Full PDB file with SEQRES, HELIX, SHEET, SSBOND, CRYST1, ORIGX, SCALE, CONECT and MASTER records, all heavy atoms in Angstrom:
SEQRES   1 A   42  GLN VAL GLN ALA PHE ASN LEU ASN ASN GLN GLY ARG TYR          
SEQRES   2 A   42  ALA GLU ALA LEU PRO VAL ALA GLN ARG ALA VAL GLU LEU          
SEQRES   3 A   42  CYS GLN GLY SER THR GLN VAL SER PRO CYS ALA TYR ALA          
SEQRES   4 A   42  LEU TYR GLU                                                  
HELIX    1 AA1 VAL A    2  ASN A    9  1                                   8    
HELIX    2 AA2 TYR A   13  CYS A   27  1                                  15    
HELIX    3 AA3 VAL A   33  ALA A   37  3                                   5    
HELIX    4 AA4 TYR A   38  TYR A   41  1                                   4    
SSBOND   1 CYS A   27    CYS A   36                          1555   1555  2.15  
CRYST1    1.000    1.000    1.000  90.00  90.00  90.00 P 1           1          
ORIGX1      1.000000  0.000000  0.000000        0.00000                         
ORIGX2      0.000000  1.000000  0.000000        0.00000                         
ORIGX3      0.000000  0.000000  1.000000        0.00000                         
SCALE1      1.000000  0.000000  0.000000        0.00000                         
SCALE2      0.000000  1.000000  0.000000        0.00000                         
SCALE3      0.000000  0.000000  1.000000        0.00000                         
ATOM      1  N   GLN A   1       4.604  20.319   3.877  1.00  0.00           N  
ATOM      2  CA  GLN A   1       4.459  19.311   4.756  1.00  0.00           C  
ATOM      3  C   GLN A   1       4.113  19.817   6.118  1.00  0.00           C  
ATOM      4  O   GLN A   1       3.129  19.280   6.732  1.00  0.00           O  
ATOM      5  CB  GLN A   1       5.645  18.456   4.852  1.00  0.00           C  
ATOM      6  CG  GLN A   1       5.571  17.282   5.780  1.00  0.00           C  
ATOM      7  CD  GLN A   1       6.049  17.543   7.198  1.00  0.00           C  
ATOM      8  OE1 GLN A   1       6.988  18.234   7.426  1.00  0.00           O  
ATOM      9  NE2 GLN A   1       5.219  17.123   8.156  1.00  0.00           N  
ATOM     10  N   VAL A   2       4.736  20.966   6.610  1.00  0.00           N  
ATOM     11  CA  VAL A   2       4.439  21.518   7.892  1.00  0.00           C  
ATOM     12  C   VAL A   2       3.056  22.014   8.026  1.00  0.00           C  
ATOM     13  O   VAL A   2       2.236  21.896   8.891  1.00  0.00           O  
ATOM     14  CB  VAL A   2       5.350  22.552   8.354  1.00  0.00           C  
ATOM     15  CG1 VAL A   2       5.099  23.362   9.437  1.00  0.00           C  
ATOM     16  CG2 VAL A   2       6.779  21.925   8.463  1.00  0.00           C  
ATOM     17  N   GLN A   3       2.695  22.723   6.803  1.00  0.00           N  
ATOM     18  CA  GLN A   3       1.253  23.211   6.728  1.00  0.00           C  
ATOM     19  C   GLN A   3       0.272  22.180   6.759  1.00  0.00           C  
ATOM     20  O   GLN A   3      -0.757  22.279   7.503  1.00  0.00           O  
ATOM     21  CB  GLN A   3       1.182  24.078   5.532  1.00  0.00           C  
ATOM     22  CG  GLN A   3      -0.178  24.742   5.308  1.00  0.00           C  
ATOM     23  CD  GLN A   3      -0.258  25.552   4.043  1.00  0.00           C  
ATOM     24  OE1 GLN A   3       0.588  25.618   3.096  1.00  0.00           O  
ATOM     25  NE2 GLN A   3      -1.451  26.249   3.865  1.00  0.00           N  
ATOM     26  N   ALA A   4       0.402  21.048   6.116  1.00  0.00           N  
ATOM     27  CA  ALA A   4      -0.442  19.938   6.271  1.00  0.00           C  
ATOM     28  C   ALA A   4      -0.396  19.371   7.587  1.00  0.00           C  
ATOM     29  O   ALA A   4      -1.565  18.998   8.046  1.00  0.00           O  
ATOM     30  CB  ALA A   4      -0.089  18.848   5.169  1.00  0.00           C  
ATOM     31  N   PHE A   5       0.633  19.276   8.228  1.00  0.00           N  
ATOM     32  CA  PHE A   5       0.621  18.765   9.601  1.00  0.00           C  
ATOM     33  C   PHE A   5      -0.164  19.614  10.576  1.00  0.00           C  
ATOM     34  O   PHE A   5      -1.109  19.096  11.316  1.00  0.00           O  
ATOM     35  CB  PHE A   5       2.099  18.601   9.990  1.00  0.00           C  
ATOM     36  CG  PHE A   5       2.269  18.452  11.505  1.00  0.00           C  
ATOM     37  CD1 PHE A   5       2.336  17.084  12.008  1.00  0.00           C  
ATOM     38  CD2 PHE A   5       2.645  19.431  12.470  1.00  0.00           C  
ATOM     39  CE1 PHE A   5       2.621  16.845  13.388  1.00  0.00           C  
ATOM     40  CE2 PHE A   5       2.735  19.163  13.754  1.00  0.00           C  
ATOM     41  CZ  PHE A   5       2.751  17.888  14.275  1.00  0.00           C  
ATOM     42  N   ASN A   6       0.021  20.958  10.382  1.00  0.00           N  
ATOM     43  CA  ASN A   6      -0.676  21.830  11.331  1.00  0.00           C  
ATOM     44  C   ASN A   6      -2.221  21.778  10.959  1.00  0.00           C  
ATOM     45  O   ASN A   6      -3.027  21.685  11.844  1.00  0.00           O  
ATOM     46  CB  ASN A   6      -0.248  23.284  11.100  1.00  0.00           C  
ATOM     47  CG  ASN A   6       1.133  23.458  11.639  1.00  0.00           C  
ATOM     48  OD1 ASN A   6       1.499  22.711  12.668  1.00  0.00           O  
ATOM     49  ND2 ASN A   6       1.971  24.306  11.091  1.00  0.00           N  
ATOM     50  N   LEU A   7      -2.585  21.734   9.681  1.00  0.00           N  
ATOM     51  CA  LEU A   7      -3.975  21.602   9.353  1.00  0.00           C  
ATOM     52  C   LEU A   7      -4.597  20.382   9.811  1.00  0.00           C  
ATOM     53  O   LEU A   7      -5.680  20.344  10.473  1.00  0.00           O  
ATOM     54  CB  LEU A   7      -4.137  21.754   7.853  1.00  0.00           C  
ATOM     55  CG  LEU A   7      -3.925  23.098   7.241  1.00  0.00           C  
ATOM     56  CD1 LEU A   7      -3.749  23.105   5.688  1.00  0.00           C  
ATOM     57  CD2 LEU A   7      -5.049  24.020   7.717  1.00  0.00           C  
ATOM     58  N   ASN A   8      -3.957  19.176   9.655  1.00  0.00           N  
ATOM     59  CA  ASN A   8      -4.479  17.987  10.156  1.00  0.00           C  
ATOM     60  C   ASN A   8      -4.559  17.892  11.605  1.00  0.00           C  
ATOM     61  O   ASN A   8      -5.620  17.558  12.234  1.00  0.00           O  
ATOM     62  CB  ASN A   8      -3.493  16.736   9.803  1.00  0.00           C  
ATOM     63  CG  ASN A   8      -3.711  16.181   8.496  1.00  0.00           C  
ATOM     64  OD1 ASN A   8      -4.898  16.283   7.991  1.00  0.00           O  
ATOM     65  ND2 ASN A   8      -2.831  15.513   7.860  1.00  0.00           N  
ATOM     66  N   ASN A   9      -3.633  18.628  12.359  1.00  0.00           N  
ATOM     67  CA  ASN A   9      -3.724  18.663  13.878  1.00  0.00           C  
ATOM     68  C   ASN A   9      -4.883  19.644  14.358  1.00  0.00           C  
ATOM     69  O   ASN A   9      -5.248  19.514  15.408  1.00  0.00           O  
ATOM     70  CB  ASN A   9      -2.358  19.121  14.447  1.00  0.00           C  
ATOM     71  CG  ASN A   9      -1.425  17.852  14.493  1.00  0.00           C  
ATOM     72  OD1 ASN A   9      -1.791  16.739  14.162  1.00  0.00           O  
ATOM     73  ND2 ASN A   9      -0.123  18.214  14.663  1.00  0.00           N  
ATOM     74  N   GLN A  10      -5.271  20.503  13.490  1.00  0.00           N  
ATOM     75  CA  GLN A  10      -6.373  21.458  13.904  1.00  0.00           C  
ATOM     76  C   GLN A  10      -7.713  20.877  13.270  1.00  0.00           C  
ATOM     77  O   GLN A  10      -8.731  21.552  13.483  1.00  0.00           O  
ATOM     78  CB  GLN A  10      -6.217  22.710  12.966  1.00  0.00           C  
ATOM     79  CG  GLN A  10      -4.932  23.578  13.573  1.00  0.00           C  
ATOM     80  CD  GLN A  10      -4.719  24.703  12.618  1.00  0.00           C  
ATOM     81  OE1 GLN A  10      -5.435  25.119  11.778  1.00  0.00           O  
ATOM     82  NE2 GLN A  10      -3.429  25.276  12.769  1.00  0.00           N  
ATOM     83  N   GLY A  11      -7.677  19.601  12.847  1.00  0.00           N  
ATOM     84  CA  GLY A  11      -9.021  18.884  12.455  1.00  0.00           C  
ATOM     85  C   GLY A  11      -9.355  19.512  10.985  1.00  0.00           C  
ATOM     86  O   GLY A  11     -10.504  19.178  10.681  1.00  0.00           O  
ATOM     87  N   ARG A  12      -8.522  20.242  10.301  1.00  0.00           N  
ATOM     88  CA  ARG A  12      -8.945  20.759   9.037  1.00  0.00           C  
ATOM     89  C   ARG A  12      -8.425  19.919   7.888  1.00  0.00           C  
ATOM     90  O   ARG A  12      -7.672  20.282   7.113  1.00  0.00           O  
ATOM     91  CB  ARG A  12      -8.387  22.209   8.835  1.00  0.00           C  
ATOM     92  CG  ARG A  12      -8.931  23.154   9.935  1.00  0.00           C  
ATOM     93  CD  ARG A  12      -8.250  24.385  10.265  1.00  0.00           C  
ATOM     94  NE  ARG A  12      -8.102  25.156   9.093  1.00  0.00           N  
ATOM     95  CZ  ARG A  12      -7.364  26.304   8.955  1.00  0.00           C  
ATOM     96  NH1 ARG A  12      -6.518  26.629  10.127  1.00  0.00           N  
ATOM     97  NH2 ARG A  12      -7.226  27.132   7.911  1.00  0.00           N  
ATOM     98  N   TYR A  13      -8.971  18.750   7.893  1.00  0.00           N  
ATOM     99  CA  TYR A  13      -8.463  17.650   7.050  1.00  0.00           C  
ATOM    100  C   TYR A  13      -8.576  17.923   5.521  1.00  0.00           C  
ATOM    101  O   TYR A  13      -7.908  17.632   4.728  1.00  0.00           O  
ATOM    102  CB  TYR A  13      -9.031  16.273   7.304  1.00  0.00           C  
ATOM    103  CG  TYR A  13      -9.117  16.003   8.757  1.00  0.00           C  
ATOM    104  CD1 TYR A  13     -10.180  15.758   9.529  1.00  0.00           C  
ATOM    105  CD2 TYR A  13      -7.858  15.903   9.515  1.00  0.00           C  
ATOM    106  CE1 TYR A  13     -10.239  15.518  10.920  1.00  0.00           C  
ATOM    107  CE2 TYR A  13      -7.839  15.655  10.883  1.00  0.00           C  
ATOM    108  CZ  TYR A  13      -9.036  15.441  11.678  1.00  0.00           C  
ATOM    109  OH  TYR A  13      -9.076  15.192  12.881  1.00  0.00           O  
ATOM    110  N   ALA A  14      -9.755  18.455   5.209  1.00  0.00           N  
ATOM    111  CA  ALA A  14     -10.050  18.739   3.776  1.00  0.00           C  
ATOM    112  C   ALA A  14      -9.160  19.868   3.315  1.00  0.00           C  
ATOM    113  O   ALA A  14      -8.759  19.830   2.060  1.00  0.00           O  
ATOM    114  CB  ALA A  14     -11.542  19.239   3.702  1.00  0.00           C  
ATOM    115  N   GLU A  15      -8.698  20.794   4.149  1.00  0.00           N  
ATOM    116  CA  GLU A  15      -7.696  21.849   3.754  1.00  0.00           C  
ATOM    117  C   GLU A  15      -6.266  21.224   3.627  1.00  0.00           C  
ATOM    118  O   GLU A  15      -5.509  21.576   2.829  1.00  0.00           O  
ATOM    119  CB  GLU A  15      -7.756  23.063   4.754  1.00  0.00           C  
ATOM    120  CG  GLU A  15      -9.048  23.788   4.642  1.00  0.00           C  
ATOM    121  CD  GLU A  15      -9.042  24.846   5.679  1.00  0.00           C  
ATOM    122  OE1 GLU A  15      -8.139  25.606   5.714  1.00  0.00           O  
ATOM    123  OE2 GLU A  15      -9.900  24.776   6.641  1.00  0.00           O  
ATOM    124  N   ALA A  16      -6.011  20.259   4.552  1.00  0.00           N  
ATOM    125  CA  ALA A  16      -4.728  19.568   4.558  1.00  0.00           C  
ATOM    126  C   ALA A  16      -4.465  18.755   3.444  1.00  0.00           C  
ATOM    127  O   ALA A  16      -3.372  18.645   2.819  1.00  0.00           O  
ATOM    128  CB  ALA A  16      -4.538  18.734   5.792  1.00  0.00           C  
ATOM    129  N   LEU A  17      -5.546  18.230   2.855  1.00  0.00           N  
ATOM    130  CA  LEU A  17      -5.372  17.150   1.769  1.00  0.00           C  
ATOM    131  C   LEU A  17      -4.714  17.736   0.398  1.00  0.00           C  
ATOM    132  O   LEU A  17      -3.573  17.126   0.043  1.00  0.00           O  
ATOM    133  CB  LEU A  17      -6.764  16.676   1.334  1.00  0.00           C  
ATOM    134  CG  LEU A  17      -6.840  15.492   0.386  1.00  0.00           C  
ATOM    135  CD1 LEU A  17      -6.102  14.299   0.907  1.00  0.00           C  
ATOM    136  CD2 LEU A  17      -8.184  15.222   0.181  1.00  0.00           C  
ATOM    137  N   PRO A  18      -5.045  18.845  -0.046  1.00  0.00           N  
ATOM    138  CA  PRO A  18      -4.342  19.323  -1.399  1.00  0.00           C  
ATOM    139  C   PRO A  18      -2.952  19.797  -0.995  1.00  0.00           C  
ATOM    140  O   PRO A  18      -2.018  19.715  -1.839  1.00  0.00           O  
ATOM    141  CB  PRO A  18      -5.327  20.483  -1.892  1.00  0.00           C  
ATOM    142  CG  PRO A  18      -5.995  20.915  -0.739  1.00  0.00           C  
ATOM    143  CD  PRO A  18      -6.271  19.619   0.145  1.00  0.00           C  
ATOM    144  N   VAL A  19      -2.699  20.296   0.242  1.00  0.00           N  
ATOM    145  CA  VAL A  19      -1.385  20.793   0.565  1.00  0.00           C  
ATOM    146  C   VAL A  19      -0.452  19.553   0.810  1.00  0.00           C  
ATOM    147  O   VAL A  19       0.731  19.608   0.176  1.00  0.00           O  
ATOM    148  CB  VAL A  19      -1.585  21.542   1.968  1.00  0.00           C  
ATOM    149  CG1 VAL A  19      -0.178  21.994   2.426  1.00  0.00           C  
ATOM    150  CG2 VAL A  19      -2.394  22.725   1.805  1.00  0.00           C  
ATOM    151  N   ALA A  20      -0.897  18.557   1.453  1.00  0.00           N  
ATOM    152  CA  ALA A  20      -0.160  17.358   1.596  1.00  0.00           C  
ATOM    153  C   ALA A  20       0.115  16.744   0.135  1.00  0.00           C  
ATOM    154  O   ALA A  20       1.192  16.204  -0.093  1.00  0.00           O  
ATOM    155  CB  ALA A  20      -0.672  16.346   2.498  1.00  0.00           C  
ATOM    156  N   GLN A  21      -0.876  16.706  -0.675  1.00  0.00           N  
ATOM    157  CA  GLN A  21      -0.738  16.072  -1.958  1.00  0.00           C  
ATOM    158  C   GLN A  21       0.276  16.794  -2.791  1.00  0.00           C  
ATOM    159  O   GLN A  21       1.118  16.157  -3.497  1.00  0.00           O  
ATOM    160  CB  GLN A  21      -2.146  16.170  -2.638  1.00  0.00           C  
ATOM    161  CG  GLN A  21      -2.098  15.377  -4.013  1.00  0.00           C  
ATOM    162  CD  GLN A  21      -3.466  15.380  -4.726  1.00  0.00           C  
ATOM    163  OE1 GLN A  21      -4.228  16.321  -4.389  1.00  0.00           O  
ATOM    164  NE2 GLN A  21      -3.535  14.550  -5.670  1.00  0.00           N  
ATOM    165  N   ARG A  22       0.290  18.066  -2.677  1.00  0.00           N  
ATOM    166  CA  ARG A  22       1.294  18.898  -3.412  1.00  0.00           C  
ATOM    167  C   ARG A  22       2.747  18.533  -2.895  1.00  0.00           C  
ATOM    168  O   ARG A  22       3.683  18.362  -3.639  1.00  0.00           O  
ATOM    169  CB  ARG A  22       0.994  20.272  -3.419  1.00  0.00           C  
ATOM    170  CG  ARG A  22       2.020  21.315  -3.979  1.00  0.00           C  
ATOM    171  CD  ARG A  22       1.978  20.990  -5.605  1.00  0.00           C  
ATOM    172  NE  ARG A  22       2.880  21.929  -6.193  1.00  0.00           N  
ATOM    173  CZ  ARG A  22       3.688  21.531  -7.195  1.00  0.00           C  
ATOM    174  NH1 ARG A  22       3.583  20.396  -7.815  1.00  0.00           N  
ATOM    175  NH2 ARG A  22       4.520  22.415  -7.672  1.00  0.00           N  
ATOM    176  N   ALA A  23       2.894  18.526  -1.523  1.00  0.00           N  
ATOM    177  CA  ALA A  23       4.238  18.065  -1.004  1.00  0.00           C  
ATOM    178  C   ALA A  23       4.631  16.813  -1.458  1.00  0.00           C  
ATOM    179  O   ALA A  23       5.881  16.566  -1.834  1.00  0.00           O  
ATOM    180  CB  ALA A  23       4.132  18.190   0.616  1.00  0.00           C  
ATOM    181  N   VAL A  24       3.749  15.812  -1.625  1.00  0.00           N  
ATOM    182  CA  VAL A  24       4.062  14.480  -1.916  1.00  0.00           C  
ATOM    183  C   VAL A  24       4.559  14.525  -3.546  1.00  0.00           C  
ATOM    184  O   VAL A  24       5.433  13.887  -3.851  1.00  0.00           O  
ATOM    185  CB  VAL A  24       2.810  13.465  -1.777  1.00  0.00           C  
ATOM    186  CG1 VAL A  24       3.040  12.192  -2.622  1.00  0.00           C  
ATOM    187  CG2 VAL A  24       2.599  13.189  -0.406  1.00  0.00           C  
ATOM    188  N   GLU A  25       3.775  15.137  -4.306  1.00  0.00           N  
ATOM    189  CA  GLU A  25       4.147  15.458  -5.750  1.00  0.00           C  
ATOM    190  C   GLU A  25       5.602  16.022  -5.811  1.00  0.00           C  
ATOM    191  O   GLU A  25       6.405  15.446  -6.605  1.00  0.00           O  
ATOM    192  CB  GLU A  25       3.202  16.268  -6.422  1.00  0.00           C  
ATOM    193  CG  GLU A  25       1.752  15.680  -6.634  1.00  0.00           C  
ATOM    194  CD  GLU A  25       0.673  16.649  -7.009  1.00  0.00           C  
ATOM    195  OE1 GLU A  25       1.014  17.862  -7.132  1.00  0.00           O  
ATOM    196  OE2 GLU A  25      -0.550  16.355  -7.180  1.00  0.00           O  
ATOM    197  N   LEU A  26       5.847  16.906  -5.053  1.00  0.00           N  
ATOM    198  CA  LEU A  26       7.205  17.578  -5.092  1.00  0.00           C  
ATOM    199  C   LEU A  26       8.282  16.703  -4.633  1.00  0.00           C  
ATOM    200  O   LEU A  26       9.480  16.880  -4.933  1.00  0.00           O  
ATOM    201  CB  LEU A  26       7.346  18.936  -4.292  1.00  0.00           C  
ATOM    202  CG  LEU A  26       6.322  20.007  -4.830  1.00  0.00           C  
ATOM    203  CD1 LEU A  26       6.302  21.090  -3.903  1.00  0.00           C  
ATOM    204  CD2 LEU A  26       7.044  20.432  -6.246  1.00  0.00           C  
ATOM    205  N   CYS A  27       7.878  15.649  -3.923  1.00  0.00           N  
ATOM    206  CA  CYS A  27       8.784  14.635  -3.263  1.00  0.00           C  
ATOM    207  C   CYS A  27       9.104  13.368  -4.174  1.00  0.00           C  
ATOM    208  O   CYS A  27       9.800  12.510  -3.802  1.00  0.00           O  
ATOM    209  CB  CYS A  27       8.285  14.188  -1.883  1.00  0.00           C  
ATOM    210  SG  CYS A  27       8.693  15.451  -0.695  1.00  0.00           S  
ATOM    211  N   GLN A  28       8.487  13.273  -5.277  1.00  0.00           N  
ATOM    212  CA  GLN A  28       8.418  12.115  -6.190  1.00  0.00           C  
ATOM    213  C   GLN A  28       9.906  11.758  -6.366  1.00  0.00           C  
ATOM    214  O   GLN A  28      10.770  12.638  -6.804  1.00  0.00           O  
ATOM    215  CB  GLN A  28       7.747  12.354  -7.459  1.00  0.00           C  
ATOM    216  CG  GLN A  28       6.176  12.319  -7.336  1.00  0.00           C  
ATOM    217  CD  GLN A  28       5.741  10.900  -6.770  1.00  0.00           C  
ATOM    218  OE1 GLN A  28       6.294   9.938  -6.876  1.00  0.00           O  
ATOM    219  NE2 GLN A  28       4.603  11.030  -6.180  1.00  0.00           N  
ATOM    220  N   GLY A  29      10.331  10.585  -6.126  1.00  0.00           N  
ATOM    221  CA  GLY A  29      11.782  10.018  -6.287  1.00  0.00           C  
ATOM    222  C   GLY A  29      12.635  10.470  -5.283  1.00  0.00           C  
ATOM    223  O   GLY A  29      13.829  10.004  -5.359  1.00  0.00           O  
ATOM    224  N   SER A  30      12.286  11.326  -4.226  1.00  0.00           N  
ATOM    225  CA  SER A  30      13.203  11.720  -3.173  1.00  0.00           C  
ATOM    226  C   SER A  30      13.356  10.669  -2.191  1.00  0.00           C  
ATOM    227  O   SER A  30      12.400   9.983  -1.878  1.00  0.00           O  
ATOM    228  CB  SER A  30      12.638  12.959  -2.571  1.00  0.00           C  
ATOM    229  OG  SER A  30      13.554  13.311  -1.484  1.00  0.00           O  
ATOM    230  N   THR A  31      14.543  10.570  -1.509  1.00  0.00           N  
ATOM    231  CA  THR A  31      14.871   9.687  -0.431  1.00  0.00           C  
ATOM    232  C   THR A  31      14.926  10.446   0.777  1.00  0.00           C  
ATOM    233  O   THR A  31      15.247   9.793   1.919  1.00  0.00           O  
ATOM    234  CB  THR A  31      16.063   8.962  -0.726  1.00  0.00           C  
ATOM    235  OG1 THR A  31      17.109   9.626  -0.849  1.00  0.00           O  
ATOM    236  CG2 THR A  31      15.825   7.913  -1.951  1.00  0.00           C  
ATOM    237  N   GLN A  32      14.557  11.717   0.817  1.00  0.00           N  
ATOM    238  CA  GLN A  32      14.640  12.421   2.025  1.00  0.00           C  
ATOM    239  C   GLN A  32      13.491  12.178   3.024  1.00  0.00           C  
ATOM    240  O   GLN A  32      12.275  12.410   2.605  1.00  0.00           O  
ATOM    241  CB  GLN A  32      14.613  14.073   1.762  1.00  0.00           C  
ATOM    242  CG  GLN A  32      15.819  14.514   1.062  1.00  0.00           C  
ATOM    243  CD  GLN A  32      15.718  16.023   0.858  1.00  0.00           C  
ATOM    244  OE1 GLN A  32      14.799  16.577   0.284  1.00  0.00           O  
ATOM    245  NE2 GLN A  32      16.689  16.706   1.367  1.00  0.00           N  
ATOM    246  N   VAL A  33      13.761  11.716   4.211  1.00  0.00           N  
ATOM    247  CA  VAL A  33      12.865  11.476   5.218  1.00  0.00           C  
ATOM    248  C   VAL A  33      12.050  12.741   5.393  1.00  0.00           C  
ATOM    249  O   VAL A  33      10.775  12.720   5.530  1.00  0.00           O  
ATOM    250  CB  VAL A  33      13.432  10.803   6.443  1.00  0.00           C  
ATOM    251  CG1 VAL A  33      12.346  10.747   7.608  1.00  0.00           C  
ATOM    252  CG2 VAL A  33      14.062   9.509   6.136  1.00  0.00           C  
ATOM    253  N   SER A  34      12.701  13.880   5.782  1.00  0.00           N  
ATOM    254  CA  SER A  34      12.080  15.103   6.025  1.00  0.00           C  
ATOM    255  C   SER A  34      12.320  15.925   4.758  1.00  0.00           C  
ATOM    256  O   SER A  34      13.495  16.195   4.331  1.00  0.00           O  
ATOM    257  CB  SER A  34      12.599  15.682   7.254  1.00  0.00           C  
ATOM    258  OG  SER A  34      12.074  16.998   7.480  1.00  0.00           O  
ATOM    259  N   PRO A  35      11.289  16.394   4.029  1.00  0.00           N  
ATOM    260  CA  PRO A  35       9.933  16.384   4.458  1.00  0.00           C  
ATOM    261  C   PRO A  35       9.155  15.203   3.870  1.00  0.00           C  
ATOM    262  O   PRO A  35       7.971  14.995   4.031  1.00  0.00           O  
ATOM    263  CB  PRO A  35       9.354  17.645   3.832  1.00  0.00           C  
ATOM    264  CG  PRO A  35      10.283  17.802   2.572  1.00  0.00           C  
ATOM    265  CD  PRO A  35      11.544  17.157   2.926  1.00  0.00           C  
ATOM    266  N   CYS A  36       9.764  14.226   2.926  1.00  0.00           N  
ATOM    267  CA  CYS A  36       8.953  13.503   2.074  1.00  0.00           C  
ATOM    268  C   CYS A  36       8.286  12.281   2.833  1.00  0.00           C  
ATOM    269  O   CYS A  36       7.073  12.082   2.538  1.00  0.00           O  
ATOM    270  CB  CYS A  36       9.931  12.868   1.026  1.00  0.00           C  
ATOM    271  SG  CYS A  36      10.457  14.397  -0.074  1.00  0.00           S  
ATOM    272  N   ALA A  37       8.851  11.606   3.707  1.00  0.00           N  
ATOM    273  CA  ALA A  37       8.205  10.652   4.470  1.00  0.00           C  
ATOM    274  C   ALA A  37       7.192  11.161   5.206  1.00  0.00           C  
ATOM    275  O   ALA A  37       5.976  10.644   5.404  1.00  0.00           O  
ATOM    276  CB  ALA A  37       9.139   9.881   5.439  1.00  0.00           C  
ATOM    277  N   TYR A  38       7.302  12.417   5.848  1.00  0.00           N  
ATOM    278  CA  TYR A  38       6.333  13.025   6.577  1.00  0.00           C  
ATOM    279  C   TYR A  38       5.130  13.565   5.831  1.00  0.00           C  
ATOM    280  O   TYR A  38       3.939  13.512   6.262  1.00  0.00           O  
ATOM    281  CB  TYR A  38       6.951  14.180   7.518  1.00  0.00           C  
ATOM    282  CG  TYR A  38       8.144  13.719   8.302  1.00  0.00           C  
ATOM    283  CD1 TYR A  38       9.162  14.581   8.445  1.00  0.00           C  
ATOM    284  CD2 TYR A  38       8.178  12.415   8.900  1.00  0.00           C  
ATOM    285  CE1 TYR A  38      10.296  14.106   9.307  1.00  0.00           C  
ATOM    286  CE2 TYR A  38       9.280  12.034   9.691  1.00  0.00           C  
ATOM    287  CZ  TYR A  38      10.189  12.893   9.689  1.00  0.00           C  
ATOM    288  OH  TYR A  38      11.389  12.506  10.480  1.00  0.00           O  
ATOM    289  N   ALA A  39       5.443  13.978   4.597  1.00  0.00           N  
ATOM    290  CA  ALA A  39       4.372  14.400   3.671  1.00  0.00           C  
ATOM    291  C   ALA A  39       3.456  13.245   3.340  1.00  0.00           C  
ATOM    292  O   ALA A  39       2.304  13.450   3.201  1.00  0.00           O  
ATOM    293  CB  ALA A  39       4.994  15.046   2.408  1.00  0.00           C  
ATOM    294  N   LEU A  40       4.083  12.134   3.027  1.00  0.00           N  
ATOM    295  CA  LEU A  40       3.294  10.837   2.791  1.00  0.00           C  
ATOM    296  C   LEU A  40       2.344  10.613   3.872  1.00  0.00           C  
ATOM    297  O   LEU A  40       1.102  10.251   3.643  1.00  0.00           O  
ATOM    298  CB  LEU A  40       4.226   9.764   2.455  1.00  0.00           C  
ATOM    299  CG  LEU A  40       4.777   9.702   1.031  1.00  0.00           C  
ATOM    300  CD1 LEU A  40       5.867   8.762   1.057  1.00  0.00           C  
ATOM    301  CD2 LEU A  40       3.662   9.280  -0.032  1.00  0.00           C  
ATOM    302  N   TYR A  41       2.794  10.700   5.092  1.00  0.00           N  
ATOM    303  CA  TYR A  41       2.011  10.332   6.323  1.00  0.00           C  
ATOM    304  C   TYR A  41       0.881  11.297   6.390  1.00  0.00           C  
ATOM    305  O   TYR A  41      -0.389  10.907   6.599  1.00  0.00           O  
ATOM    306  CB  TYR A  41       2.976  10.340   7.557  1.00  0.00           C  
ATOM    307  CG  TYR A  41       2.188  10.056   8.772  1.00  0.00           C  
ATOM    308  CD1 TYR A  41       1.966   8.697   9.225  1.00  0.00           C  
ATOM    309  CD2 TYR A  41       1.586  11.063   9.577  1.00  0.00           C  
ATOM    310  CE1 TYR A  41       1.227   8.386  10.319  1.00  0.00           C  
ATOM    311  CE2 TYR A  41       0.949  10.732  10.728  1.00  0.00           C  
ATOM    312  CZ  TYR A  41       0.641   9.464  11.079  1.00  0.00           C  
ATOM    313  OH  TYR A  41       0.062   9.075  12.239  1.00  0.00           O  
ATOM    314  N   GLU A  42       1.089  12.679   6.230  1.00  0.00           N  
ATOM    315  CA  GLU A  42       0.188  13.701   6.394  1.00  0.00           C  
ATOM    316  C   GLU A  42      -0.985  13.435   5.375  1.00  0.00           C  
ATOM    317  O   GLU A  42      -2.133  13.748   5.554  1.00  0.00           O  
ATOM    318  CB  GLU A  42       0.671  14.996   6.429  1.00  0.00           C  
ATOM    319  CG  GLU A  42       1.550  15.364   7.674  1.00  0.00           C  
ATOM    320  CD  GLU A  42       0.921  15.129   8.998  1.00  0.00           C  
ATOM    321  OE1 GLU A  42      -0.308  15.308   8.978  1.00  0.00           O  
ATOM    322  OE2 GLU A  42       1.656  14.715   9.819  1.00  0.00           O  
TER     323      GLU A  42                                                      
CONECT  210  271                                                                
CONECT  271  210                                                                
MASTER        0    0    0    4    0    0    0    6  322    1    2    4          
END                                                                             
């Protein structure tokens, strides 16, 4: 999630996409705001 956040903030959206997607996959079913809510946003 942090890596996706940094990539998005650097304008590297295509690189952030699979990173954030993997974070979201790992968060399936989780109720943890950090990192899961943030991963969905990124």
